[in-house]
Amino acid sequence: MPESYNNKISVIIPTLNEEENIGELLQFLKQNGKDHIADIIVCDAKSEDETTAIAKKMEVR
């Protein structure tokens, strides 16, 4: 594990059609969790809206 990951967490977000909420949540996590979050992972369940496009645009896994 890279040394920079010490004392950090990975946030895993399961989603299904969350385009109304996912952008705001990811922005909040990026702004407020900089020192505590190693990874943000969005696990999508075949959303039929723009959920995955928004997650990709926000540069999360």
PDB file of N, CA and C in Angstrom:
ATOM      1  N   MET A   1       0.851  -1.175   0.000  1.00  0.00           N
ATOM      2  CA  MET A   1       0.000   0.000   0.000  1.00  0.00           C
ATOM      3  C   MET A   1       0.899   1.242   0.000  1.00  0.00           C
ATOM      4  N   PRO A   2       0.606   2.201  -0.874  1.00  0.00           N
ATOM      5  CA  PRO A   2       1.416   3.425  -0.891  1.00  0.00           C
ATOM      6  C   PRO A   2       1.372   4.140   0.455  1.00  0.00           C
ATOM      7  N   GLU A   3       2.487   4.739   0.822  1.00  0.00           N
ATOM      8  CA  GLU A   3       2.579   5.434   2.106  1.00  0.00           C
ATOM      9  C   GLU A   3       1.537   6.536   2.227  1.00  0.00           C
ATOM     10  N   SER A   4       1.183   7.177   1.122  1.00  0.00           N
ATOM     11  CA  SER A   4       0.204   8.269   1.164  1.00  0.00           C
ATOM     12  C   SER A   4      -1.192   7.775   1.549  1.00  0.00           C
ATOM     13  N   TYR A   5      -1.443   6.459   1.510  1.00  0.00           N
ATOM     14  CA  TYR A   5      -2.739   5.905   1.858  1.00  0.00           C
ATOM     15  C   TYR A   5      -2.882   5.653   3.357  1.00  0.00           C
ATOM     16  N   ASN A   6      -1.789   5.757   4.115  1.00  0.00           N
ATOM     17  CA  ASN A   6      -1.872   5.518   5.550  1.00  0.00           C
ATOM     18  C   ASN A   6      -2.896   6.441   6.190  1.00  0.00           C
ATOM     19  N   ASN A   7      -3.708   5.869   7.063  1.00  0.00           N
ATOM     20  CA  ASN A   7      -4.718   6.619   7.812  1.00  0.00           C
ATOM     21  C   ASN A   7      -5.774   7.283   6.936  1.00  0.00           C
ATOM     22  N   LYS A   8      -6.025   6.733   5.769  1.00  0.00           N
ATOM     23  CA  LYS A   8      -7.060   7.249   4.883  1.00  0.00           C
ATOM     24  C   LYS A   8      -8.066   6.144   4.601  1.00  0.00           C
ATOM     25  N   ILE A   9      -9.252   6.544   4.187  1.00  0.00           N
ATOM     26  CA  ILE A   9     -10.295   5.572   3.874  1.00  0.00           C
ATOM     27  C   ILE A   9     -10.651   5.631   2.385  1.00  0.00           C
ATOM     28  N   SER A  10     -11.253   4.569   1.918  1.00  0.00           N
ATOM     29  CA  SER A  10     -11.848   4.550   0.587  1.00  0.00           C
ATOM     30  C   SER A  10     -13.350   4.657   0.769  1.00  0.00           C
ATOM     31  N   VAL A  11     -13.974   5.516  -0.011  1.00  0.00           N
ATOM     32  CA  VAL A  11     -15.419   5.703   0.054  1.00  0.00           C
ATOM     33  C   VAL A  11     -16.018   5.015  -1.167  1.00  0.00           C
ATOM     34  N   ILE A  12     -16.917   4.067  -0.917  1.00  0.00           N
ATOM     35  CA  ILE A  12     -17.582   3.347  -1.999  1.00  0.00           C
ATOM     36  C   ILE A  12     -19.050   3.758  -1.994  1.00  0.00           C
ATOM     37  N   ILE A  13     -19.520   4.257  -3.140  1.00  0.00           N
ATOM     38  CA  ILE A  13     -20.882   4.786  -3.243  1.00  0.00           C
ATOM     39  C   ILE A  13     -21.666   3.946  -4.251  1.00  0.00           C
ATOM     40  N   PRO A  14     -22.611   3.112  -3.779  1.00  0.00           N
ATOM     41  CA  PRO A  14     -23.479   2.389  -4.717  1.00  0.00           C
ATOM     42  C   PRO A  14     -24.533   3.356  -5.271  1.00  0.00           C
ATOM     43  N   THR A  15     -24.783   3.283  -6.581  1.00  0.00           N
ATOM     44  CA  THR A  15     -25.727   4.216  -7.189  1.00  0.00           C
ATOM     45  C   THR A  15     -26.685   3.516  -8.149  1.00  0.00           C
ATOM     46  N   LEU A  16     -27.833   4.136  -8.330  1.00  0.00           N
ATOM     47  CA  LEU A  16     -28.797   3.772  -9.364  1.00  0.00           C
ATOM     48  C   LEU A  16     -29.636   5.014  -9.629  1.00  0.00           C
ATOM     49  N   ASN A  17     -29.429   5.602 -10.787  1.00  0.00           N
ATOM     50  CA  ASN A  17     -30.172   6.806 -11.195  1.00  0.00           C
ATOM     51  C   ASN A  17     -30.077   7.920 -10.154  1.00  0.00           C
ATOM     52  N   GLU A  18     -28.873   8.334  -9.868  1.00  0.00           N
ATOM     53  CA  GLU A  18     -28.631   9.366  -8.851  1.00  0.00           C
ATOM     54  C   GLU A  18     -28.077  10.665  -9.436  1.00  0.00           C
ATOM     55  N   GLU A  19     -28.401  10.971 -10.672  1.00  0.00           N
ATOM     56  CA  GLU A  19     -27.832  12.168 -11.297  1.00  0.00           C
ATOM     57  C   GLU A  19     -28.173  13.453 -10.545  1.00  0.00           C
ATOM     58  N   GLU A  20     -29.284  13.481  -9.834  1.00  0.00           N
ATOM     59  CA  GLU A  20     -29.661  14.684  -9.094  1.00  0.00           C
ATOM     60  C   GLU A  20     -28.800  14.900  -7.854  1.00  0.00           C
ATOM     61  N   ASN A  21     -28.160  13.850  -7.353  1.00  0.00           N
ATOM     62  CA  ASN A  21     -27.435  13.939  -6.084  1.00  0.00           C
ATOM     63  C   ASN A  21     -25.938  13.676  -6.173  1.00  0.00           C
ATOM     64  N   ILE A  22     -25.505  12.880  -7.133  1.00  0.00           N
ATOM     65  CA  ILE A  22     -24.131  12.387  -7.126  1.00  0.00           C
ATOM     66  C   ILE A  22     -23.097  13.502  -7.281  1.00  0.00           C
ATOM     67  N   GLY A  23     -23.357  14.481  -8.100  1.00  0.00           N
ATOM     68  CA  GLY A  23     -22.395  15.565  -8.305  1.00  0.00           C
ATOM     69  C   GLY A  23     -22.141  16.348  -7.030  1.00  0.00           C
ATOM     70  N   GLU A  24     -23.202  16.690  -6.343  1.00  0.00           N
ATOM     71  CA  GLU A  24     -23.080  17.445  -5.095  1.00  0.00           C
ATOM     72  C   GLU A  24     -22.352  16.624  -4.024  1.00  0.00           C
ATOM     73  N   LEU A  25     -22.672  15.335  -3.937  1.00  0.00           N
ATOM     74  CA  LEU A  25     -22.008  14.471  -2.962  1.00  0.00           C
ATOM     75  C   LEU A  25     -20.518  14.346  -3.256  1.00  0.00           C
ATOM     76  N   LEU A  26     -20.162  14.100  -4.509  1.00  0.00           N
ATOM     77  CA  LEU A  26     -18.752  13.953  -4.862  1.00  0.00           C
ATOM     78  C   LEU A  26     -17.984  15.249  -4.624  1.00  0.00           C
ATOM     79  N   GLN A  27     -18.569  16.364  -4.954  1.00  0.00           N
ATOM     80  CA  GLN A  27     -17.927  17.652  -4.714  1.00  0.00           C
ATOM     81  C   GLN A  27     -17.693  17.852  -3.222  1.00  0.00           C
ATOM     82  N   PHE A  28     -18.685  17.528  -2.404  1.00  0.00           N
ATOM     83  CA  PHE A  28     -18.549  17.658  -0.950  1.00  0.00           C
ATOM     84  C   PHE A  28     -17.418  16.777  -0.433  1.00  0.00           C
ATOM     85  N   LEU A  29     -17.386  15.528  -0.872  1.00  0.00           N
ATOM     86  CA  LEU A  29     -16.339  14.611  -0.406  1.00  0.00           C
ATOM     87  C   LEU A  29     -14.953  15.085  -0.821  1.00  0.00           C
ATOM     88  N   LYS A  30     -14.819  15.552  -2.041  1.00  0.00           N
ATOM     89  CA  LYS A  30     -13.519  16.035  -2.511  1.00  0.00           C
ATOM     90  C   LYS A  30     -13.062  17.274  -1.740  1.00  0.00           C
ATOM     91  N   GLN A  31     -13.956  18.178  -1.462  1.00  0.00           N
ATOM     92  CA  GLN A  31     -13.592  19.408  -0.757  1.00  0.00           C
ATOM     93  C   GLN A  31     -13.317  19.184   0.718  1.00  0.00           C
ATOM     94  N   ASN A  32     -14.086  18.317   1.350  1.00  0.00           N
ATOM     95  CA  ASN A  32     -14.000  18.160   2.800  1.00  0.00           C
ATOM     96  C   ASN A  32     -13.215  16.942   3.264  1.00  0.00           C
ATOM     97  N   GLY A  33     -12.883  16.053   2.359  1.00  0.00           N
ATOM     98  CA  GLY A  33     -12.186  14.849   2.767  1.00  0.00           C
ATOM     99  C   GLY A  33     -10.771  14.727   2.243  1.00  0.00           C
ATOM    100  N   LYS A  34     -10.222  15.808   1.747  1.00  0.00           N
ATOM    101  CA  LYS A  34      -8.899  15.783   1.111  1.00  0.00           C
ATOM    102  C   LYS A  34      -7.851  15.032   1.919  1.00  0.00           C
ATOM    103  N   ASP A  35      -7.802  15.268   3.217  1.00  0.00           N
ATOM    104  CA  ASP A  35      -6.762  14.681   4.055  1.00  0.00           C
ATOM    105  C   ASP A  35      -7.131  13.297   4.578  1.00  0.00           C
ATOM    106  N   HIS A  36      -8.353  12.850   4.321  1.00  0.00           N
ATOM    107  CA  HIS A  36      -8.825  11.617   4.936  1.00  0.00           C
ATOM    108  C   HIS A  36      -9.285  10.548   3.948  1.00  0.00           C
ATOM    109  N   ILE A  37      -9.452  10.909   2.682  1.00  0.00           N
ATOM    110  CA  ILE A  37      -9.985   9.973   1.702  1.00  0.00           C
ATOM    111  C   ILE A  37      -8.907   9.605   0.688  1.00  0.00           C
ATOM    112  N   ALA A  38      -8.653   8.291   0.578  1.00  0.00           N
ATOM    113  CA  ALA A  38      -7.678   7.801  -0.391  1.00  0.00           C
ATOM    114  C   ALA A  38      -8.314   7.633  -1.768  1.00  0.00           C
ATOM    115  N   ASP A  39      -9.521   7.079  -1.805  1.00  0.00           N
ATOM    116  CA  ASP A  39     -10.221   6.807  -3.059  1.00  0.00           C
ATOM    117  C   ASP A  39     -11.711   7.076  -2.898  1.00  0.00           C
ATOM    118  N   ILE A  40     -12.320   7.521  -3.993  1.00  0.00           N
ATOM    119  CA  ILE A  40     -13.778   7.591  -4.071  1.00  0.00           C
ATOM    120  C   ILE A  40     -14.166   6.698  -5.240  1.00  0.00           C
ATOM    121  N   ILE A  41     -14.976   5.686  -4.938  1.00  0.00           N
ATOM    122  CA  ILE A  41     -15.362   4.698  -5.939  1.00  0.00           C
ATOM    123  C   ILE A  41     -16.878   4.702  -6.069  1.00  0.00           C
ATOM    124  N   VAL A  42     -17.368   4.923  -7.288  1.00  0.00           N
ATOM    125  CA  VAL A  42     -18.797   4.876  -7.549  1.00  0.00           C
ATOM    126  C   VAL A  42     -19.099   3.540  -8.228  1.00  0.00           C
ATOM    127  N   CYS A  43     -19.968   2.750  -7.613  1.00  0.00           N
ATOM    128  CA  CYS A  43     -20.389   1.454  -8.153  1.00  0.00           C
ATOM    129  C   CYS A  43     -21.820   1.597  -8.656  1.00  0.00           C
ATOM    130  N   ASP A  44     -21.961   1.694  -9.955  1.00  0.00           N
ATOM    131  CA  ASP A  44     -23.268   1.959 -10.523  1.00  0.00           C
ATOM    132  C   ASP A  44     -23.985   0.670 -10.936  1.00  0.00           C
ATOM    133  N   ALA A  45     -25.292   0.640 -10.720  1.00  0.00           N
ATOM    134  CA  ALA A  45     -26.135  -0.520 -11.033  1.00  0.00           C
ATOM    135  C   ALA A  45     -26.930  -0.273 -12.314  1.00  0.00           C
ATOM    136  N   LYS A  46     -26.222   0.081 -13.383  1.00  0.00           N
ATOM    137  CA  LYS A  46     -26.828   0.305 -14.701  1.00  0.00           C
ATOM    138  C   LYS A  46     -27.840   1.443 -14.703  1.00  0.00           C
ATOM    139  N   SER A  47     -27.435   2.584 -14.199  1.00  0.00           N
ATOM    140  CA  SER A  47     -28.305   3.756 -14.208  1.00  0.00           C
ATOM    141  C   SER A  47     -28.722   4.097 -15.625  1.00  0.00           C
ATOM    142  N   GLU A  48     -29.933   4.605 -15.754  1.00  0.00           N
ATOM    143  CA  GLU A  48     -30.460   5.014 -17.052  1.00  0.00           C
ATOM    144  C   GLU A  48     -30.423   6.526 -17.220  1.00  0.00           C
ATOM    145  N   ASP A  49     -29.736   7.218 -16.307  1.00  0.00           N
ATOM    146  CA  ASP A  49     -29.606   8.671 -16.392  1.00  0.00           C
ATOM    147  C   ASP A  49     -28.125   9.016 -16.541  1.00  0.00           C
ATOM    148  N   GLU A  50     -27.734  10.182 -16.149  1.00  0.00           N
ATOM    149  CA  GLU A  50     -26.356  10.661 -16.327  1.00  0.00           C
ATOM    150  C   GLU A  50     -25.447  10.406 -15.120  1.00  0.00           C
ATOM    151  N   THR A  51     -25.817   9.495 -14.241  1.00  0.00           N
ATOM    152  CA  THR A  51     -25.025   9.222 -13.045  1.00  0.00           C
ATOM    153  C   THR A  51     -23.576   8.894 -13.389  1.00  0.00           C
ATOM    154  N   THR A  52     -23.358   7.946 -14.289  1.00  0.00           N
ATOM    155  CA  THR A  52     -21.979   7.535 -14.603  1.00  0.00           C
ATOM    156  C   THR A  52     -21.207   8.643 -15.313  1.00  0.00           C
ATOM    157  N   ALA A  53     -21.859   9.396 -16.170  1.00  0.00           N
ATOM    158  CA  ALA A  53     -21.193  10.496 -16.860  1.00  0.00           C
ATOM    159  C   ALA A  53     -20.726  11.555 -15.865  1.00  0.00           C
ATOM    160  N   ILE A  54     -21.544  11.838 -14.873  1.00  0.00           N
ATOM    161  CA  ILE A  54     -21.188  12.819 -13.848  1.00  0.00           C
ATOM    162  C   ILE A  54     -20.006  12.309 -13.027  1.00  0.00           C
ATOM    163  N   ALA A  55     -20.042  11.036 -12.647  1.00  0.00           N
ATOM    164  CA  ALA A  55     -18.935  10.452 -11.869  1.00  0.00           C
ATOM    165  C   ALA A  55     -17.637  10.509 -12.666  1.00  0.00           C
ATOM    166  N   LYS A  56     -17.680  10.193 -13.933  1.00  0.00           N
ATOM    167  CA  LYS A  56     -16.479  10.255 -14.778  1.00  0.00           C
ATOM    168  C   LYS A  56     -15.960  11.688 -14.877  1.00  0.00           C
ATOM    169  N   LYS A  57     -16.875  12.617 -15.040  1.00  0.00           N
ATOM    170  CA  LYS A  57     -16.491  14.028 -15.142  1.00  0.00           C
ATOM    171  C   LYS A  57     -15.821  14.517 -13.844  1.00  0.00           C
ATOM    172  N   MET A  58     -16.265  13.971 -12.705  1.00  0.00           N
ATOM    173  CA  MET A  58     -15.702  14.346 -11.397  1.00  0.00           C
ATOM    174  C   MET A  58     -14.400  13.592 -11.106  1.00  0.00           C
ATOM    175  N   GLU A  59     -13.979  12.746 -12.045  1.00  0.00           N
ATOM    176  CA  GLU A  59     -12.710  12.021 -11.979  1.00  0.00           C
ATOM    177  C   GLU A  59     -12.588  11.141 -10.736  1.00  0.00           C
ATOM    178  N   VAL A  60     -13.622  10.334 -10.516  1.00  0.00           N
ATOM    179  CA  VAL A  60     -13.561   9.315  -9.468  1.00  0.00           C
ATOM    180  C   VAL A  60     -13.599   7.960 -10.164  1.00  0.00           C
ATOM    181  N   ARG A  61     -13.274   6.933  -9.433  1.00  0.00           N
ATOM    182  CA  ARG A  61     -13.273   5.582 -10.033  1.00  0.00           C
ATOM    183  C   ARG A  61     -14.668   4.996  -9.953  1.00  0.00           C
TER     184      ARG A  61
END
